[in-house]
Amino acid sequence: DDLSKTMAVLGPWMQDPTGIRARATAALGVLKSQAQTDTSRLAAIGYCWGGSLAFLAACRIDVDCAVAYYGGQIIQFVDERPKVPVVAITPNLATGRKPCQY
């Protein structure tokens, strides 16, 4: 089914999201190259695993801010420091439970 196919692709990145950095940086480059893009106001926004990636984007790539909704994997990266402002809506991170799975 579609979920199985999706997880086959995303599974390795979910185990080690650092591998997605090159893809995110390339996507950001495409966005910046668009004439209608205001390159002084770029944000990373995500939900669940995407929220964790938004947090990592704030730490590792050239965005201006990030919003992470229920980024359950952020707990793996608590030693990382964002270089830009981050709004994170992530209840129960202290428990290690993934709130987006409730």
N, C-alpha and C. Protein backbone atom coordinates (compact mmCIF):
# COMPACT_ATOMS: atom_id res chain seq x y z
N ASP A 1 0.83 -1.19 0.00
CA ASP A 1 0.00 0.00 0.00
C ASP A 1 0.87 1.25 0.00
N ASP A 2 0.25 2.41 -0.08
CA ASP A 2 1.01 3.65 -0.17
C ASP A 2 1.84 3.93 1.07
N LEU A 3 1.30 3.62 2.25
CA LEU A 3 2.05 3.86 3.48
C LEU A 3 3.32 3.01 3.51
N SER A 4 3.23 1.77 3.09
CA SER A 4 4.41 0.90 3.06
C SER A 4 5.48 1.44 2.13
N LYS A 5 5.05 1.93 0.96
CA LYS A 5 6.00 2.51 0.00
C LYS A 5 6.65 3.76 0.58
N THR A 6 5.82 4.59 1.21
CA THR A 6 6.34 5.83 1.80
C THR A 6 7.34 5.51 2.89
N MET A 7 7.01 4.59 3.77
CA MET A 7 7.91 4.26 4.88
C MET A 7 9.20 3.62 4.39
N ALA A 8 9.14 2.90 3.27
CA ALA A 8 10.36 2.31 2.71
C ALA A 8 11.34 3.40 2.30
N VAL A 9 10.82 4.51 1.80
CA VAL A 9 11.67 5.64 1.39
C VAL A 9 12.09 6.46 2.60
N LEU A 10 11.14 6.78 3.48
CA LEU A 10 11.41 7.67 4.60
C LEU A 10 12.08 6.99 5.78
N GLY A 11 11.91 5.68 5.90
CA GLY A 11 12.44 4.97 7.05
C GLY A 11 13.90 5.26 7.37
N PRO A 12 14.80 5.15 6.39
CA PRO A 12 16.20 5.45 6.70
C PRO A 12 16.42 6.89 7.16
N TRP A 13 15.67 7.84 6.59
CA TRP A 13 15.81 9.24 7.00
C TRP A 13 15.23 9.45 8.39
N MET A 14 14.19 8.71 8.74
CA MET A 14 13.62 8.86 10.08
C MET A 14 14.59 8.31 11.13
N GLN A 15 15.35 7.29 10.78
CA GLN A 15 16.35 6.75 11.70
C GLN A 15 17.54 7.70 11.84
N ASP A 16 17.88 8.39 10.76
CA ASP A 16 19.00 9.32 10.77
C ASP A 16 18.67 10.50 9.86
N PRO A 17 17.91 11.49 10.37
CA PRO A 17 17.46 12.61 9.55
C PRO A 17 18.58 13.49 9.00
N THR A 18 19.82 13.28 9.45
CA THR A 18 20.91 14.11 8.94
C THR A 18 21.09 13.92 7.43
N GLY A 19 20.70 12.78 6.91
CA GLY A 19 20.85 12.52 5.48
C GLY A 19 19.96 13.37 4.60
N ILE A 20 18.94 13.97 5.17
CA ILE A 20 18.03 14.78 4.36
C ILE A 20 18.54 16.21 4.18
N ARG A 21 19.62 16.55 4.86
CA ARG A 21 20.14 17.92 4.79
C ARG A 21 20.45 18.36 3.35
N ALA A 22 21.08 17.51 2.57
CA ALA A 22 21.42 17.87 1.18
C ALA A 22 20.16 18.13 0.36
N ARG A 23 19.15 17.30 0.58
CA ARG A 23 17.90 17.48 -0.17
C ARG A 23 17.21 18.78 0.24
N ALA A 24 17.19 19.08 1.53
CA ALA A 24 16.56 20.31 2.01
C ALA A 24 17.32 21.54 1.51
N THR A 25 18.64 21.45 1.51
CA THR A 25 19.45 22.57 1.03
C THR A 25 19.22 22.78 -0.46
N ALA A 26 19.11 21.70 -1.23
CA ALA A 26 18.82 21.82 -2.67
C ALA A 26 17.44 22.43 -2.90
N ALA A 27 16.45 22.00 -2.14
CA ALA A 27 15.10 22.55 -2.27
C ALA A 27 15.09 24.04 -1.93
N LEU A 28 15.83 24.42 -0.91
CA LEU A 28 15.93 25.83 -0.54
C LEU A 28 16.59 26.63 -1.65
N GLY A 29 17.58 26.05 -2.30
CA GLY A 29 18.23 26.71 -3.43
C GLY A 29 17.27 26.97 -4.58
N VAL A 30 16.42 25.99 -4.87
CA VAL A 30 15.41 26.16 -5.93
C VAL A 30 14.45 27.26 -5.54
N LEU A 31 13.99 27.25 -4.29
CA LEU A 31 13.07 28.28 -3.83
C LEU A 31 13.69 29.67 -3.95
N LYS A 32 14.95 29.80 -3.53
CA LYS A 32 15.63 31.09 -3.61
C LYS A 32 15.81 31.58 -5.04
N SER A 33 15.87 30.66 -5.99
CA SER A 33 16.09 31.05 -7.39
C SER A 33 14.83 31.58 -8.07
N GLN A 34 13.67 31.43 -7.44
CA GLN A 34 12.42 31.89 -8.02
C GLN A 34 12.29 33.41 -7.88
N ALA A 35 11.93 34.07 -8.95
CA ALA A 35 11.83 35.54 -8.94
C ALA A 35 10.84 36.05 -7.89
N GLN A 36 9.78 35.32 -7.65
CA GLN A 36 8.76 35.79 -6.72
C GLN A 36 9.10 35.51 -5.25
N THR A 37 10.23 34.88 -4.98
CA THR A 37 10.62 34.56 -3.60
C THR A 37 11.31 35.73 -2.94
N ASP A 38 10.83 36.10 -1.77
CA ASP A 38 11.52 37.10 -0.94
C ASP A 38 12.56 36.34 -0.12
N THR A 39 13.78 36.34 -0.57
CA THR A 39 14.83 35.53 0.05
C THR A 39 15.25 36.04 1.43
N SER A 40 14.71 37.17 1.86
CA SER A 40 15.03 37.66 3.20
C SER A 40 14.03 37.15 4.23
N ARG A 41 13.04 36.34 3.78
CA ARG A 41 12.01 35.85 4.70
C ARG A 41 11.66 34.40 4.40
N LEU A 42 12.61 33.52 4.63
CA LEU A 42 12.39 32.09 4.37
C LEU A 42 12.25 31.33 5.68
N ALA A 43 11.22 30.50 5.75
CA ALA A 43 10.96 29.74 6.97
C ALA A 43 10.84 28.26 6.65
N ALA A 44 11.15 27.45 7.64
CA ALA A 44 10.90 26.01 7.59
C ALA A 44 9.73 25.74 8.52
N ILE A 45 8.70 25.06 8.02
CA ILE A 45 7.52 24.76 8.82
C ILE A 45 7.19 23.29 8.62
N GLY A 46 6.91 22.59 9.71
CA GLY A 46 6.58 21.18 9.57
C GLY A 46 5.76 20.64 10.71
N TYR A 47 5.11 19.52 10.45
CA TYR A 47 4.28 18.82 11.42
C TYR A 47 4.81 17.39 11.59
N CYS A 48 4.84 16.93 12.81
CA CYS A 48 5.29 15.58 13.16
C CYS A 48 6.76 15.42 12.76
N TRP A 49 7.07 14.47 11.89
CA TRP A 49 8.47 14.32 11.48
C TRP A 49 8.94 15.59 10.77
N GLY A 50 8.06 16.21 10.01
CA GLY A 50 8.39 17.48 9.36
C GLY A 50 8.70 18.58 10.37
N GLY A 51 8.06 18.54 11.54
CA GLY A 51 8.37 19.49 12.60
C GLY A 51 9.79 19.30 13.12
N SER A 52 10.18 18.06 13.22
CA SER A 52 11.56 17.77 13.62
C SER A 52 12.54 18.27 12.58
N LEU A 53 12.18 18.09 11.31
CA LEU A 53 13.05 18.58 10.23
C LEU A 53 13.09 20.10 10.20
N ALA A 54 11.98 20.76 10.52
CA ALA A 54 11.97 22.22 10.59
C ALA A 54 12.94 22.69 11.68
N PHE A 55 12.91 22.00 12.82
CA PHE A 55 13.85 22.33 13.90
C PHE A 55 15.29 22.15 13.42
N LEU A 56 15.57 21.03 12.77
CA LEU A 56 16.92 20.79 12.25
C LEU A 56 17.32 21.83 11.21
N ALA A 57 16.36 22.26 10.40
CA ALA A 57 16.65 23.30 9.42
C ALA A 57 17.11 24.58 10.12
N ALA A 58 16.48 24.91 11.23
CA ALA A 58 16.87 26.10 11.99
C ALA A 58 18.28 25.96 12.55
N CYS A 59 18.71 24.73 12.77
CA CYS A 59 20.04 24.48 13.31
C CYS A 59 21.10 24.37 12.21
N ARG A 60 20.71 23.87 11.04
CA ARG A 60 21.71 23.43 10.07
C ARG A 60 21.70 24.08 8.70
N ILE A 61 20.59 24.69 8.29
CA ILE A 61 20.59 25.29 6.95
C ILE A 61 20.16 26.75 7.01
N ASP A 62 20.20 27.41 5.90
CA ASP A 62 20.03 28.86 5.83
C ASP A 62 18.56 29.28 5.70
N VAL A 63 17.82 29.19 6.83
CA VAL A 63 16.46 29.71 6.87
C VAL A 63 16.44 30.86 7.88
N ASP A 64 15.38 31.66 7.86
CA ASP A 64 15.30 32.81 8.75
C ASP A 64 14.56 32.51 10.06
N CYS A 65 13.75 31.48 10.05
CA CYS A 65 13.05 31.05 11.25
C CYS A 65 12.44 29.68 10.98
N ALA A 66 11.89 29.06 12.02
CA ALA A 66 11.26 27.76 11.85
C ALA A 66 10.09 27.63 12.80
N VAL A 67 9.10 26.85 12.37
CA VAL A 67 7.95 26.50 13.20
C VAL A 67 7.83 24.98 13.17
N ALA A 68 7.87 24.39 14.35
CA ALA A 68 7.81 22.92 14.46
C ALA A 68 6.57 22.54 15.26
N TYR A 69 5.63 21.90 14.59
CA TYR A 69 4.43 21.42 15.26
C TYR A 69 4.60 19.93 15.57
N TYR A 70 4.56 19.60 16.84
CA TYR A 70 4.61 18.21 17.28
C TYR A 70 5.78 17.44 16.67
N GLY A 71 6.95 18.04 16.73
CA GLY A 71 8.15 17.40 16.20
C GLY A 71 8.68 16.36 17.17
N GLY A 72 8.12 15.18 17.14
CA GLY A 72 8.44 14.15 18.11
C GLY A 72 9.88 13.66 18.10
N GLN A 73 10.59 13.88 17.01
CA GLN A 73 11.99 13.43 16.93
C GLN A 73 12.97 14.49 17.44
N ILE A 74 12.46 15.69 17.77
CA ILE A 74 13.36 16.77 18.23
C ILE A 74 14.16 16.31 19.45
N ILE A 75 13.59 15.47 20.26
CA ILE A 75 14.28 15.03 21.48
C ILE A 75 15.64 14.39 21.18
N GLN A 76 15.78 13.82 19.98
CA GLN A 76 17.07 13.23 19.59
C GLN A 76 18.13 14.29 19.34
N PHE A 77 17.69 15.54 19.15
CA PHE A 77 18.60 16.60 18.74
C PHE A 77 18.63 17.75 19.74
N VAL A 78 18.32 17.47 21.01
CA VAL A 78 18.24 18.54 22.00
C VAL A 78 19.57 19.25 22.24
N ASP A 79 20.67 18.64 21.87
CA ASP A 79 21.96 19.29 22.03
C ASP A 79 22.27 20.26 20.90
N GLU A 80 21.48 20.24 19.84
CA GLU A 80 21.69 21.17 18.73
C GLU A 80 21.11 22.53 19.11
N ARG A 81 21.71 23.58 18.60
CA ARG A 81 21.26 24.93 18.89
C ARG A 81 20.82 25.61 17.60
N PRO A 82 19.56 26.03 17.55
CA PRO A 82 19.09 26.76 16.36
C PRO A 82 19.86 28.06 16.17
N LYS A 83 20.09 28.40 14.91
CA LYS A 83 20.78 29.64 14.57
C LYS A 83 19.78 30.77 14.35
N VAL A 84 18.50 30.44 14.33
CA VAL A 84 17.43 31.41 14.07
C VAL A 84 16.28 31.14 15.03
N PRO A 85 15.33 32.09 15.15
CA PRO A 85 14.18 31.85 16.05
C PRO A 85 13.37 30.62 15.64
N VAL A 86 12.88 29.89 16.65
CA VAL A 86 12.06 28.71 16.44
C VAL A 86 10.84 28.78 17.36
N VAL A 87 9.68 28.52 16.81
CA VAL A 87 8.48 28.29 17.61
C VAL A 87 8.22 26.80 17.52
N ALA A 88 8.21 26.14 18.68
CA ALA A 88 8.00 24.70 18.70
C ALA A 88 6.81 24.37 19.59
N ILE A 89 5.81 23.78 19.01
CA ILE A 89 4.64 23.30 19.75
C ILE A 89 4.85 21.80 19.91
N THR A 90 5.43 21.40 21.05
CA THR A 90 5.82 20.00 21.23
C THR A 90 5.56 19.55 22.66
N PRO A 91 4.31 19.29 23.03
CA PRO A 91 4.06 18.82 24.39
C PRO A 91 4.64 17.43 24.61
N ASN A 92 4.99 17.16 25.85
CA ASN A 92 5.44 15.85 26.30
C ASN A 92 6.81 15.42 25.78
N LEU A 93 7.63 16.33 25.32
CA LEU A 93 8.96 15.92 24.87
C LEU A 93 9.77 15.33 26.01
N ALA A 94 9.54 15.80 27.22
CA ALA A 94 10.31 15.30 28.35
C ALA A 94 10.06 13.81 28.59
N THR A 95 8.92 13.32 28.17
CA THR A 95 8.60 11.91 28.38
C THR A 95 9.24 11.02 27.33
N GLY A 96 9.70 11.62 26.22
CA GLY A 96 10.26 10.84 25.13
C GLY A 96 9.20 10.25 24.22
N ARG A 97 7.93 10.51 24.54
CA ARG A 97 6.84 10.01 23.70
C ARG A 97 6.65 10.94 22.51
N LYS A 98 6.18 10.41 21.42
CA LYS A 98 5.99 11.17 20.20
C LYS A 98 4.55 11.67 20.13
N PRO A 99 4.33 12.95 20.48
CA PRO A 99 2.97 13.44 20.59
C PRO A 99 2.17 13.40 19.30
N CYS A 100 2.83 13.39 18.15
CA CYS A 100 2.08 13.35 16.90
C CYS A 100 1.47 11.97 16.66
N GLN A 101 1.80 11.00 17.46
CA GLN A 101 1.25 9.67 17.28
C GLN A 101 0.05 9.39 18.18
N TYR A 102 -0.42 10.37 18.94
CA TYR A 102 -1.56 10.16 19.82
C TYR A 102 -2.85 10.19 19.04
